[in-house]
Amino acid sequence: MRLETSFKNEANNARRCAELLAQTPELRDDVYVPRVYGAAEGCEESDRIMVMEWIDGCRWARVSLQNTCFTLTVTG
């Protein structure tokens, strides 16, 4: 449980996710992971503090699926 609530762990996961997406041609232009600022940028890193880039956006629930490239499939 401690790892699940660690912002250091979440920061590492975000960095890893950004790296993997950058290597995935199908997603790299459509998915954006906000930058995590850490010790290299002069920001404190701890289990209780994580500093990330602010991104303006909209809630997923407000996105009109008719204006996207998603194909919905009903399963189950």
PDB file of N, CA and C in Angstrom:
ATOM      1  N   MET A   1       0.816  -1.186   0.000  1.00  0.00           N
ATOM      2  CA  MET A   1       0.000   0.000   0.000  1.00  0.00           C
ATOM      3  C   MET A   1       0.867   1.260   0.000  1.00  0.00           C
ATOM      4  N   ARG A   2       2.007   1.187   0.653  1.00  0.00           N
ATOM      5  CA  ARG A   2       2.883   2.355   0.735  1.00  0.00           C
ATOM      6  C   ARG A   2       3.361   2.784  -0.664  1.00  0.00           C
ATOM      7  N   LEU A   3       3.698   1.823  -1.500  1.00  0.00           N
ATOM      8  CA  LEU A   3       4.142   2.122  -2.857  1.00  0.00           C
ATOM      9  C   LEU A   3       3.014   2.763  -3.673  1.00  0.00           C
ATOM     10  N   GLU A   4       1.796   2.334  -3.429  1.00  0.00           N
ATOM     11  CA  GLU A   4       0.640   2.856  -4.160  1.00  0.00           C
ATOM     12  C   GLU A   4       0.375   4.330  -3.851  1.00  0.00           C
ATOM     13  N   THR A   5       0.769   4.788  -2.685  1.00  0.00           N
ATOM     14  CA  THR A   5       0.523   6.180  -2.294  1.00  0.00           C
ATOM     15  C   THR A   5       1.787   7.037  -2.343  1.00  0.00           C
ATOM     16  N   SER A   6       2.830   6.545  -2.960  1.00  0.00           N
ATOM     17  CA  SER A   6       4.103   7.256  -3.047  1.00  0.00           C
ATOM     18  C   SER A   6       4.149   8.126  -4.300  1.00  0.00           C
ATOM     19  N   PHE A   7       4.314   9.442  -4.126  1.00  0.00           N
ATOM     20  CA  PHE A   7       4.435  10.327  -5.285  1.00  0.00           C
ATOM     21  C   PHE A   7       5.760  10.120  -6.014  1.00  0.00           C
ATOM     22  N   LYS A   8       6.798   9.669  -5.311  1.00  0.00           N
ATOM     23  CA  LYS A   8       8.050   9.337  -6.004  1.00  0.00           C
ATOM     24  C   LYS A   8       7.808   8.209  -7.001  1.00  0.00           C
ATOM     25  N   ASN A   9       7.062   7.210  -6.582  1.00  0.00           N
ATOM     26  CA  ASN A   9       6.730   6.095  -7.459  1.00  0.00           C
ATOM     27  C   ASN A   9       5.870   6.577  -8.629  1.00  0.00           C
ATOM     28  N   GLU A  10       4.886   7.422  -8.358  1.00  0.00           N
ATOM     29  CA  GLU A  10       4.024   7.948  -9.417  1.00  0.00           C
ATOM     30  C   GLU A  10       4.817   8.799 -10.411  1.00  0.00           C
ATOM     31  N   ALA A  11       5.776   9.583  -9.919  1.00  0.00           N
ATOM     32  CA  ALA A  11       6.617  10.388 -10.806  1.00  0.00           C
ATOM     33  C   ALA A  11       7.428   9.494 -11.729  1.00  0.00           C
ATOM     34  N   ASN A  12       7.991   8.426 -11.176  1.00  0.00           N
ATOM     35  CA  ASN A  12       8.749   7.475 -12.001  1.00  0.00           C
ATOM     36  C   ASN A  12       7.847   6.799 -13.022  1.00  0.00           C
ATOM     37  N   ASN A  13       6.624   6.450 -12.617  1.00  0.00           N
ATOM     38  CA  ASN A  13       5.674   5.836 -13.553  1.00  0.00           C
ATOM     39  C   ASN A  13       5.315   6.801 -14.686  1.00  0.00           C
ATOM     40  N   ALA A  14       5.110   8.072 -14.364  1.00  0.00           N
ATOM     41  CA  ALA A  14       4.775   9.068 -15.388  1.00  0.00           C
ATOM     42  C   ALA A  14       5.930   9.241 -16.374  1.00  0.00           C
ATOM     43  N   ARG A  15       7.149   9.300 -15.861  1.00  0.00           N
ATOM     44  CA  ARG A  15       8.320   9.423 -16.745  1.00  0.00           C
ATOM     45  C   ARG A  15       8.441   8.198 -17.657  1.00  0.00           C
ATOM     46  N   ARG A  16       8.240   7.037 -17.083  1.00  0.00           N
ATOM     47  CA  ARG A  16       8.328   5.787 -17.866  1.00  0.00           C
ATOM     48  C   ARG A  16       7.228   5.737 -18.922  1.00  0.00           C
ATOM     49  N   CYS A  17       6.030   6.129 -18.543  1.00  0.00           N
ATOM     50  CA  CYS A  17       4.909   6.153 -19.481  1.00  0.00           C
ATOM     51  C   CYS A  17       5.211   7.101 -20.645  1.00  0.00           C
ATOM     52  N   ALA A  18       5.744   8.282 -20.359  1.00  0.00           N
ATOM     53  CA  ALA A  18       6.082   9.245 -21.406  1.00  0.00           C
ATOM     54  C   ALA A  18       7.137   8.669 -22.356  1.00  0.00           C
ATOM     55  N   GLU A  19       8.132   7.981 -21.799  1.00  0.00           N
ATOM     56  CA  GLU A  19       9.172   7.366 -22.626  1.00  0.00           C
ATOM     57  C   GLU A  19       8.590   6.284 -23.535  1.00  0.00           C
ATOM     58  N   LEU A  20       7.728   5.449 -22.983  1.00  0.00           N
ATOM     59  CA  LEU A  20       7.132   4.367 -23.773  1.00  0.00           C
ATOM     60  C   LEU A  20       6.207   4.916 -24.854  1.00  0.00           C
ATOM     61  N   LEU A  21       5.433   5.944 -24.538  1.00  0.00           N
ATOM     62  CA  LEU A  21       4.553   6.551 -25.539  1.00  0.00           C
ATOM     63  C   LEU A  21       5.346   7.204 -26.663  1.00  0.00           C
ATOM     64  N   ALA A  22       6.484   7.775 -26.329  1.00  0.00           N
ATOM     65  CA  ALA A  22       7.330   8.410 -27.350  1.00  0.00           C
ATOM     66  C   ALA A  22       7.854   7.387 -28.349  1.00  0.00           C
ATOM     67  N   GLN A  23       7.921   6.137 -27.940  1.00  0.00           N
ATOM     68  CA  GLN A  23       8.403   5.064 -28.809  1.00  0.00           C
ATOM     69  C   GLN A  23       7.269   4.338 -29.545  1.00  0.00           C
ATOM     70  N   THR A  24       6.033   4.782 -29.323  1.00  0.00           N
ATOM     71  CA  THR A  24       4.875   4.128 -29.927  1.00  0.00           C
ATOM     72  C   THR A  24       4.271   5.043 -30.986  1.00  0.00           C
ATOM     73  N   PRO A  25       4.568   4.796 -32.268  1.00  0.00           N
ATOM     74  CA  PRO A  25       4.115   5.694 -33.336  1.00  0.00           C
ATOM     75  C   PRO A  25       2.608   5.933 -33.357  1.00  0.00           C
ATOM     76  N   GLU A  26       1.805   4.916 -33.007  1.00  0.00           N
ATOM     77  CA  GLU A  26       0.347   5.065 -33.057  1.00  0.00           C
ATOM     78  C   GLU A  26      -0.193   6.013 -32.001  1.00  0.00           C
ATOM     79  N   LEU A  27       0.564   6.244 -30.943  1.00  0.00           N
ATOM     80  CA  LEU A  27       0.057   7.041 -29.826  1.00  0.00           C
ATOM     81  C   LEU A  27       0.825   8.334 -29.558  1.00  0.00           C
ATOM     82  N   ARG A  28       2.069   8.406 -29.979  1.00  0.00           N
ATOM     83  CA  ARG A  28       2.913   9.526 -29.553  1.00  0.00           C
ATOM     84  C   ARG A  28       2.406  10.903 -29.947  1.00  0.00           C
ATOM     85  N   ASP A  29       1.617  11.008 -31.014  1.00  0.00           N
ATOM     86  CA  ASP A  29       1.087  12.306 -31.414  1.00  0.00           C
ATOM     87  C   ASP A  29      -0.291  12.586 -30.825  1.00  0.00           C
ATOM     88  N   ASP A  30      -0.919  11.585 -30.199  1.00  0.00           N
ATOM     89  CA  ASP A  30      -2.280  11.743 -29.692  1.00  0.00           C
ATOM     90  C   ASP A  30      -2.397  11.732 -28.175  1.00  0.00           C
ATOM     91  N   VAL A  31      -1.398  11.192 -27.480  1.00  0.00           N
ATOM     92  CA  VAL A  31      -1.444  11.095 -26.020  1.00  0.00           C
ATOM     93  C   VAL A  31      -0.301  11.922 -25.454  1.00  0.00           C
ATOM     94  N   TYR A  32      -0.630  12.778 -24.487  1.00  0.00           N
ATOM     95  CA  TYR A  32       0.392  13.625 -23.879  1.00  0.00           C
ATOM     96  C   TYR A  32       0.439  13.365 -22.381  1.00  0.00           C
ATOM     97  N   VAL A  33       1.632  13.117 -21.868  1.00  0.00           N
ATOM     98  CA  VAL A  33       1.849  12.929 -20.435  1.00  0.00           C
ATOM     99  C   VAL A  33       2.527  14.191 -19.918  1.00  0.00           C
ATOM    100  N   PRO A  34       1.926  14.885 -18.956  1.00  0.00           N
ATOM    101  CA  PRO A  34       2.549  16.095 -18.420  1.00  0.00           C
ATOM    102  C   PRO A  34       3.943  15.796 -17.857  1.00  0.00           C
ATOM    103  N   ARG A  35       4.834  16.732 -18.039  1.00  0.00           N
ATOM    104  CA  ARG A  35       6.211  16.579 -17.566  1.00  0.00           C
ATOM    105  C   ARG A  35       6.255  16.611 -16.047  1.00  0.00           C
ATOM    106  N   VAL A  36       7.058  15.741 -15.470  1.00  0.00           N
ATOM    107  CA  VAL A  36       7.277  15.711 -14.029  1.00  0.00           C
ATOM    108  C   VAL A  36       8.589  16.434 -13.749  1.00  0.00           C
ATOM    109  N   TYR A  37       8.551  17.396 -12.838  1.00  0.00           N
ATOM    110  CA  TYR A  37       9.750  18.139 -12.464  1.00  0.00           C
ATOM    111  C   TYR A  37      10.324  17.521 -11.196  1.00  0.00           C
ATOM    112  N   GLY A  38      11.618  17.240 -11.234  1.00  0.00           N
ATOM    113  CA  GLY A  38      12.277  16.599 -10.101  1.00  0.00           C
ATOM    114  C   GLY A  38      13.546  17.312  -9.708  1.00  0.00           C
ATOM    115  N   ALA A  39      14.425  16.574  -9.075  1.00  0.00           N
ATOM    116  CA  ALA A  39      15.672  17.127  -8.556  1.00  0.00           C
ATOM    117  C   ALA A  39      16.525  17.759  -9.660  1.00  0.00           C
ATOM    118  N   ALA A  40      16.496  17.185 -10.852  1.00  0.00           N
ATOM    119  CA  ALA A  40      17.288  17.720 -11.966  1.00  0.00           C
ATOM    120  C   ALA A  40      16.849  19.132 -12.344  1.00  0.00           C
ATOM    121  N   GLU A  41      15.575  19.454 -12.086  1.00  0.00           N
ATOM    122  CA  GLU A  41      15.044  20.789 -12.396  1.00  0.00           C
ATOM    123  C   GLU A  41      14.999  21.686 -11.159  1.00  0.00           C
ATOM    124  N   GLY A  42      15.526  21.205 -10.049  1.00  0.00           N
ATOM    125  CA  GLY A  42      15.563  21.996  -8.824  1.00  0.00           C
ATOM    126  C   GLY A  42      14.316  21.885  -7.968  1.00  0.00           C
ATOM    127  N   CYS A  43      13.490  20.884  -8.215  1.00  0.00           N
ATOM    128  CA  CYS A  43      12.269  20.687  -7.427  1.00  0.00           C
ATOM    129  C   CYS A  43      12.472  19.541  -6.443  1.00  0.00           C
ATOM    130  N   GLU A  44      11.867  19.694  -5.281  1.00  0.00           N
ATOM    131  CA  GLU A  44      11.959  18.656  -4.270  1.00  0.00           C
ATOM    132  C   GLU A  44      11.172  17.420  -4.703  1.00  0.00           C
ATOM    133  N   GLU A  45      11.746  16.259  -4.454  1.00  0.00           N
ATOM    134  CA  GLU A  45      11.055  14.993  -4.717  1.00  0.00           C
ATOM    135  C   GLU A  45      10.904  14.257  -3.399  1.00  0.00           C
ATOM    136  N   SER A  46       9.697  13.792  -3.134  1.00  0.00           N
ATOM    137  CA  SER A  46       9.472  12.979  -1.945  1.00  0.00           C
ATOM    138  C   SER A  46       8.228  12.136  -2.165  1.00  0.00           C
ATOM    139  N   ASP A  47       7.927  11.296  -1.197  1.00  0.00           N
ATOM    140  CA  ASP A  47       6.726  10.473  -1.288  1.00  0.00           C
ATOM    141  C   ASP A  47       5.458  11.306  -1.155  1.00  0.00           C
ATOM    142  N   ARG A  48       5.594  12.542  -0.660  1.00  0.00           N
ATOM    143  CA  ARG A  48       4.419  13.373  -0.406  1.00  0.00           C
ATOM    144  C   ARG A  48       4.271  14.562  -1.348  1.00  0.00           C
ATOM    145  N   ILE A  49       5.285  14.813  -2.196  1.00  0.00           N
ATOM    146  CA  ILE A  49       5.243  15.966  -3.100  1.00  0.00           C
ATOM    147  C   ILE A  49       5.618  15.529  -4.510  1.00  0.00           C
ATOM    148  N   MET A  50       4.811  15.934  -5.488  1.00  0.00           N
ATOM    149  CA  MET A  50       5.132  15.701  -6.896  1.00  0.00           C
ATOM    150  C   MET A  50       4.770  16.976  -7.657  1.00  0.00           C
ATOM    151  N   VAL A  51       5.713  17.509  -8.418  1.00  0.00           N
ATOM    152  CA  VAL A  51       5.493  18.729  -9.194  1.00  0.00           C
ATOM    153  C   VAL A  51       5.413  18.340 -10.662  1.00  0.00           C
ATOM    154  N   MET A  52       4.276  18.715 -11.305  1.00  0.00           N
ATOM    155  CA  MET A  52       4.054  18.376 -12.701  1.00  0.00           C
ATOM    156  C   MET A  52       3.675  19.615 -13.488  1.00  0.00           C
ATOM    157  N   GLU A  53       3.867  19.521 -14.787  1.00  0.00           N
ATOM    158  CA  GLU A  53       3.458  20.558 -15.723  1.00  0.00           C
ATOM    159  C   GLU A  53       1.935  20.697 -15.697  1.00  0.00           C
ATOM    160  N   TRP A  54       1.432  21.937 -15.771  1.00  0.00           N
ATOM    161  CA  TRP A  54      -0.002  22.187 -15.847  1.00  0.00           C
ATOM    162  C   TRP A  54      -0.440  22.111 -17.301  1.00  0.00           C
ATOM    163  N   ILE A  55      -1.489  21.361 -17.563  1.00  0.00           N
ATOM    164  CA  ILE A  55      -2.024  21.217 -18.914  1.00  0.00           C
ATOM    165  C   ILE A  55      -3.489  21.629 -18.897  1.00  0.00           C
ATOM    166  N   ASP A  56      -3.854  22.588 -19.750  1.00  0.00           N
ATOM    167  CA  ASP A  56      -5.262  22.924 -19.909  1.00  0.00           C
ATOM    168  C   ASP A  56      -5.921  21.837 -20.740  1.00  0.00           C
ATOM    169  N   GLY A  57      -7.104  21.467 -20.375  1.00  0.00           N
ATOM    170  CA  GLY A  57      -7.796  20.420 -21.119  1.00  0.00           C
ATOM    171  C   GLY A  57      -9.262  20.406 -20.769  1.00  0.00           C
ATOM    172  N   CYS A  58      -9.902  19.299 -21.018  1.00  0.00           N
ATOM    173  CA  CYS A  58     -11.313  19.154 -20.677  1.00  0.00           C
ATOM    174  C   CYS A  58     -11.523  17.777 -20.069  1.00  0.00           C
ATOM    175  N   ARG A  59     -12.600  17.647 -19.335  1.00  0.00           N
ATOM    176  CA  ARG A  59     -12.931  16.355 -18.743  1.00  0.00           C
ATOM    177  C   ARG A  59     -13.308  15.370 -19.835  1.00  0.00           C
ATOM    178  N   TRP A  60     -12.903  14.127 -19.656  1.00  0.00           N
ATOM    179  CA  TRP A  60     -13.191  13.098 -20.643  1.00  0.00           C
ATOM    180  C   TRP A  60     -14.690  12.986 -20.885  1.00  0.00           C
ATOM    181  N   ALA A  61     -15.489  13.125 -19.838  1.00  0.00           N
ATOM    182  CA  ALA A  61     -16.940  12.989 -19.967  1.00  0.00           C
ATOM    183  C   ALA A  61     -17.530  14.063 -20.875  1.00  0.00           C
ATOM    184  N   ARG A  62     -16.839  15.170 -21.064  1.00  0.00           N
ATOM    185  CA  ARG A  62     -17.350  16.266 -21.887  1.00  0.00           C
ATOM    186  C   ARG A  62     -16.879  16.185 -23.341  1.00  0.00           C
ATOM    187  N   VAL A  63     -16.029  15.235 -23.646  1.00  0.00           N
ATOM    188  CA  VAL A  63     -15.524  15.086 -25.011  1.00  0.00           C
ATOM    189  C   VAL A  63     -16.594  14.394 -25.851  1.00  0.00           C
ATOM    190  N   SER A  64     -16.892  14.954 -26.973  1.00  0.00           N
ATOM    191  CA  SER A  64     -17.863  14.333 -27.870  1.00  0.00           C
ATOM    192  C   SER A  64     -17.184  13.222 -28.649  1.00  0.00           C
ATOM    193  N   LEU A  65     -17.641  11.998 -28.471  1.00  0.00           N
ATOM    194  CA  LEU A  65     -17.031  10.860 -29.159  1.00  0.00           C
ATOM    195  C   LEU A  65     -17.295  10.901 -30.655  1.00  0.00           C
ATOM    196  N   GLN A  66     -18.268  11.670 -31.082  1.00  0.00           N
ATOM    197  CA  GLN A  66     -18.543  11.784 -32.512  1.00  0.00           C
ATOM    198  C   GLN A  66     -17.430  12.537 -33.230  1.00  0.00           C
ATOM    199  N   ASN A  67     -16.660  13.338 -32.510  1.00  0.00           N
ATOM    200  CA  ASN A  67     -15.607  14.144 -33.125  1.00  0.00           C
ATOM    201  C   ASN A  67     -14.221  13.550 -32.896  1.00  0.00           C
ATOM    202  N   THR A  68     -14.159  12.268 -32.582  1.00  0.00           N
ATOM    203  CA  THR A  68     -12.873  11.623 -32.340  1.00  0.00           C
ATOM    204  C   THR A  68     -12.684  10.468 -33.310  1.00  0.00           C
ATOM    205  N   CYS A  69     -11.503   9.873 -33.249  1.00  0.00           N
ATOM    206  CA  CYS A  69     -11.202   8.734 -34.113  1.00  0.00           C
ATOM    207  C   CYS A  69     -11.416   7.409 -33.410  1.00  0.00           C
ATOM    208  N   PHE A  70     -12.092   7.428 -32.243  1.00  0.00           N
ATOM    209  CA  PHE A  70     -12.307   6.198 -31.496  1.00  0.00           C
ATOM    210  C   PHE A  70     -13.416   5.367 -32.132  1.00  0.00           C
ATOM    211  N   THR A  71     -13.243   4.068 -32.092  1.00  0.00           N
ATOM    212  CA  THR A  71     -14.274   3.127 -32.510  1.00  0.00           C
ATOM    213  C   THR A  71     -14.731   2.385 -31.264  1.00  0.00           C
ATOM    214  N   LEU A  72     -16.005   2.509 -30.939  1.00  0.00           N
ATOM    215  CA  LEU A  72     -16.517   1.852 -29.747  1.00  0.00           C
ATOM    216  C   LEU A  72     -17.023   0.468 -30.106  1.00  0.00           C
ATOM    217  N   THR A  73     -16.655  -0.490 -29.267  1.00  0.00           N
ATOM    218  CA  THR A  73     -17.088  -1.867 -29.461  1.00  0.00           C
ATOM    219  C   THR A  73     -17.711  -2.360 -28.169  1.00  0.00           C
ATOM    220  N   VAL A  74     -18.905  -2.903 -28.232  1.00  0.00           N
ATOM    221  CA  VAL A  74     -19.568  -3.449 -27.063  1.00  0.00           C
ATOM    222  C   VAL A  74     -19.095  -4.885 -26.892  1.00  0.00           C
ATOM    223  N   THR A  75     -18.629  -5.214 -25.688  1.00  0.00           N
ATOM    224  CA  THR A  75     -18.166  -6.576 -25.405  1.00  0.00           C
ATOM    225  C   THR A  75     -18.921  -7.111 -24.209  1.00  0.00           C
ATOM    226  N   GLY A  76     -18.849  -8.407 -24.047  1.00  0.00           N
ATOM    227  CA  GLY A  76     -19.385  -9.024 -22.852  1.00  0.00           C
ATOM    228  C   GLY A  76     -20.784  -9.345 -22.953  1.00  0.00           C
TER     229      GLY A  76
END
